[in-house]
Every structure is written in structure tokens, then in C-alpha cells.
Amino acid sequence: MSQRVGIGIDLHRFGEERSRPLVLGGVTFPAEAGLEGHSDADVVAHAVCDALLGAAGLGDMGLHFPDSDERWRGADSLVLLFEVAARVKGAGYRLVNADCSVVTERPRLASVREEMMEKLSAAAGGPVHVKATRPESLGAIGRVEGIACFAVATVEESGD
């Protein structure tokens, strides 16, 4: 079987208002300020989406879910990931593995990492691994101005 690899990167800044919850990997952090974005701004799910789309040669999230389209305003990013997985399958590929690194000073993710991996894996249709690193006060993310995520995904021809 032929395998392909894609990379996804997403970052969002924290919003000025605390009216929006923070969502990372499908897990809500009610005590934290949310990120700005057209959908729910889940940088983890978005990075995995772009990695999958790239691996399958299907472009990026902006092509499939443009922020100019009001249908996607406030969208649950796990729903978007599920849709991306369907499009990847429709293109003749299946997810072998995805791995992502979340770059954030806060919140700490260790206590919810397993839950994030379960939710992301279910939506993506294959294993998604999550890890986190702190920027140690370096740069905008280190000053807690936002959160970033880097993801890589491997897909293979499904043979369907």
C-alpha cells in the first residue's frame, strides 16, 4: 500500500472576552478564556484536520470550511474533523496515525490527554496521539497570548 504524509499547523490567540470556552482536542476547559476563531477555535483538531487533508492531497481547512461561510461559525471542530476523515476516505485513503504537539503555557494537558486522544481518534477514524510542551515564557505563546499545535498524519491507500 502507498503511504502519504501531511503536516498541519494551527494557532489562535486568546479572546478578549471570557464568554467563549477554551476547547482543545474536543475537551472543554471552562475555567480558561477561549481562543478567537470562526469555529470553536480548537487548534488541536484544526492541526489534525490540515495534516489529514494535506496527506490526502485535498488542500486545507480554509478550502473546505472557509471563514467567509457562516455555516461554520461556532462549529464544533470534532464535527469538522469527522467530515475531513470522510473526505479523506472518499479520496481513497485511511488514517494510519496522527501525532500532534500542543504548544501552550496553560492549561496543562496531562490530566485530559487520554480524553483528547480518544475524542480525536474517534472523529479522525484512526489513532491520534497528543503531547504538549511549554514555551517556557518565550514569545507570544510563552506570554499566554495564544496556543499553537503542530500535527503530522500518515495515510495509506484504503484499497476500497
Protein backbone atom coordinates (compact mmCIF):
# COMPACT_ATOMS: atom_id res chain seq x y z
CA MET A 1 0.00 0.00 0.00
CA SER A 2 1.13 3.51 -0.78
CA GLN A 3 1.55 5.85 2.20
CA ARG A 4 1.49 9.64 2.27
CA VAL A 5 2.31 12.16 4.99
CA GLY A 6 0.78 15.57 5.71
CA ILE A 7 1.62 18.37 8.14
CA GLY A 8 -0.84 20.65 9.89
CA ILE A 9 -0.19 23.78 11.93
CA ASP A 10 -2.74 25.95 13.67
CA LEU A 11 -2.60 28.73 16.21
CA HIS A 12 -5.11 31.13 17.70
CA ARG A 13 -4.88 33.95 20.17
CA PHE A 14 -6.89 34.10 23.36
CA GLY A 15 -10.05 36.18 23.08
CA GLU A 16 -10.63 39.41 24.93
CA GLU A 17 -13.90 38.16 26.35
CA ARG A 18 -14.31 35.18 28.63
CA SER A 19 -17.72 34.39 27.10
CA ARG A 20 -16.29 31.63 24.90
CA PRO A 21 -14.92 28.42 26.44
CA LEU A 22 -11.50 27.06 25.58
CA VAL A 23 -11.72 23.84 23.55
CA LEU A 24 -8.65 21.72 22.83
CA GLY A 25 -8.86 18.29 21.24
CA GLY A 26 -12.60 18.27 21.83
CA VAL A 27 -12.19 18.84 25.58
CA THR A 28 -13.67 22.00 27.12
CA PHE A 29 -11.74 23.94 29.75
CA PRO A 30 -14.46 26.06 31.38
CA ALA A 31 -12.09 27.95 33.70
CA GLU A 32 -9.96 29.22 30.81
CA ALA A 33 -10.61 32.02 28.32
CA GLY A 34 -11.42 30.74 24.85
CA LEU A 35 -9.47 31.24 21.66
CA GLU A 36 -10.58 33.57 18.87
CA GLY A 37 -11.70 31.96 15.65
CA HIS A 38 -14.57 31.41 13.25
CA SER A 39 -15.38 27.92 14.54
CA ASP A 40 -14.75 26.84 18.15
CA ALA A 41 -11.03 27.59 17.50
CA ASP A 42 -9.85 24.12 18.60
CA VAL A 43 -6.23 24.38 17.44
CA VAL A 44 -5.58 20.68 18.08
CA ALA A 45 -8.46 19.42 15.95
CA HIS A 46 -7.62 22.01 13.27
CA ALA A 47 -3.98 20.94 13.04
CA VAL A 48 -5.03 17.29 12.70
CA CYS A 49 -7.57 18.27 10.01
CA ASP A 50 -4.93 20.07 7.97
CA ALA A 51 -2.45 17.20 8.38
CA LEU A 52 -5.04 14.72 7.10
CA LEU A 53 -6.13 16.94 4.24
CA GLY A 54 -2.52 17.52 3.24
CA ALA A 55 -1.66 13.83 3.33
CA ALA A 56 -4.59 13.04 1.05
CA GLY A 57 -3.77 15.95 -1.29
CA LEU A 58 -7.07 17.67 -0.51
CA GLY A 59 -5.90 21.18 0.35
CA ASP A 60 -6.55 22.71 3.75
CA MET A 61 -9.35 23.66 6.13
CA GLY A 62 -9.73 27.09 4.56
CA LEU A 63 -10.65 25.44 1.27
CA HIS A 64 -13.27 23.13 2.80
CA PHE A 65 -14.58 25.29 5.69
CA PRO A 66 -13.86 28.95 4.79
CA ASP A 67 -14.34 31.59 7.47
CA SER A 68 -16.39 33.53 4.92
CA ASP A 69 -19.08 30.84 5.16
CA GLU A 70 -21.46 31.45 8.07
CA ARG A 71 -22.36 27.73 8.20
CA TRP A 72 -19.07 27.14 10.01
CA ARG A 73 -19.39 29.97 12.58
CA GLY A 74 -19.02 28.41 16.03
CA ALA A 75 -18.74 24.91 14.53
CA ASP A 76 -17.61 22.03 16.71
CA SER A 77 -14.16 21.16 15.38
CA LEU A 78 -14.63 17.46 16.12
CA VAL A 79 -17.53 17.56 13.64
CA LEU A 80 -15.18 19.22 11.14
CA LEU A 81 -12.56 16.50 11.81
CA PHE A 82 -15.20 13.81 11.25
CA GLU A 83 -16.10 15.48 7.93
CA VAL A 84 -12.41 15.70 6.96
CA ALA A 85 -11.99 12.00 7.73
CA ALA A 86 -14.96 11.23 5.45
CA ARG A 87 -13.42 13.30 2.65
CA VAL A 88 -10.07 11.57 3.10
CA LYS A 89 -11.85 8.20 2.93
CA GLY A 90 -13.72 9.38 -0.16
CA ALA A 91 -10.38 10.16 -1.78
CA GLY A 92 -9.32 6.54 -1.23
CA TYR A 93 -7.19 6.87 1.93
CA ARG A 94 -7.39 5.81 5.56
CA LEU A 95 -5.60 7.25 8.57
CA VAL A 96 -2.64 5.17 9.74
CA ASN A 97 -1.53 7.52 12.51
CA ALA A 98 -1.57 11.17 13.51
CA ASP A 99 0.68 12.79 16.07
CA CYS A 100 0.40 16.31 17.40
CA SER A 101 2.28 18.61 19.75
CA VAL A 102 0.38 21.35 21.54
CA VAL A 103 2.44 24.40 22.49
CA THR A 104 0.93 26.15 25.50
CA GLU A 105 1.84 27.61 28.86
CA ARG A 106 -1.65 26.88 30.10
CA PRO A 107 -3.76 24.97 30.53
CA ARG A 108 -1.76 21.92 31.48
CA LEU A 109 -2.99 18.96 29.44
CA ALA A 110 -1.66 15.90 31.28
CA SER A 111 -4.91 15.20 33.13
CA VAL A 112 -7.06 15.26 29.94
CA ARG A 113 -4.60 13.97 27.35
CA GLU A 114 -6.18 10.50 27.19
CA GLU A 115 -9.65 12.01 26.75
CA MET A 116 -8.35 14.26 23.97
CA MET A 117 -6.77 11.30 22.18
CA GLU A 118 -9.99 9.26 22.46
CA LYS A 119 -12.15 12.07 21.06
CA LEU A 120 -9.75 12.96 18.26
CA SER A 121 -9.19 9.31 17.30
CA ALA A 122 -12.94 8.65 17.16
CA ALA A 123 -13.53 11.68 14.92
CA ALA A 124 -10.50 11.02 12.69
CA GLY A 125 -11.21 7.32 12.26
CA GLY A 126 -7.76 6.21 13.44
CA PRO A 127 -5.16 6.72 16.14
CA VAL A 128 -4.30 10.29 17.12
CA HIS A 129 -1.55 10.84 19.68
CA VAL A 130 -1.35 14.10 21.67
CA LYS A 131 1.53 15.56 23.59
CA ALA A 132 2.23 19.03 24.94
CA THR A 133 5.18 21.29 25.50
CA ARG A 134 5.61 24.62 27.23
CA PRO A 135 7.42 27.51 25.53
CA GLU A 136 8.94 28.47 28.90
CA SER A 137 7.79 32.12 28.66
CA LEU A 138 9.35 32.55 25.20
CA GLY A 139 7.42 34.59 22.62
CA ALA A 140 3.70 35.31 22.30
CA ILE A 141 2.65 31.81 23.32
CA GLY A 142 5.00 31.96 26.28
CA ARG A 143 3.31 35.21 27.30
CA VAL A 144 -0.02 33.29 27.20
CA GLU A 145 -1.32 35.26 24.22
CA GLY A 146 -2.40 32.10 22.40
CA ILE A 147 -1.93 28.39 21.77
CA ALA A 148 -0.38 26.55 18.82
CA CYS A 149 -0.45 22.96 17.62
CA PHE A 150 1.68 21.08 15.11
CA ALA A 151 0.44 17.78 13.66
CA VAL A 152 1.60 15.15 11.24
CA ALA A 153 -0.59 12.46 9.74
CA THR A 154 0.18 9.35 7.75
CA VAL A 155 -2.48 7.91 5.45
CA GLU A 156 -2.42 4.89 3.18
CA GLU A 157 -4.46 3.89 0.19
CA SER A 158 -7.52 2.11 1.51
CA GLY A 159 -7.94 -0.27 -1.40
CA ASP A 160 -11.73 0.29 -1.34
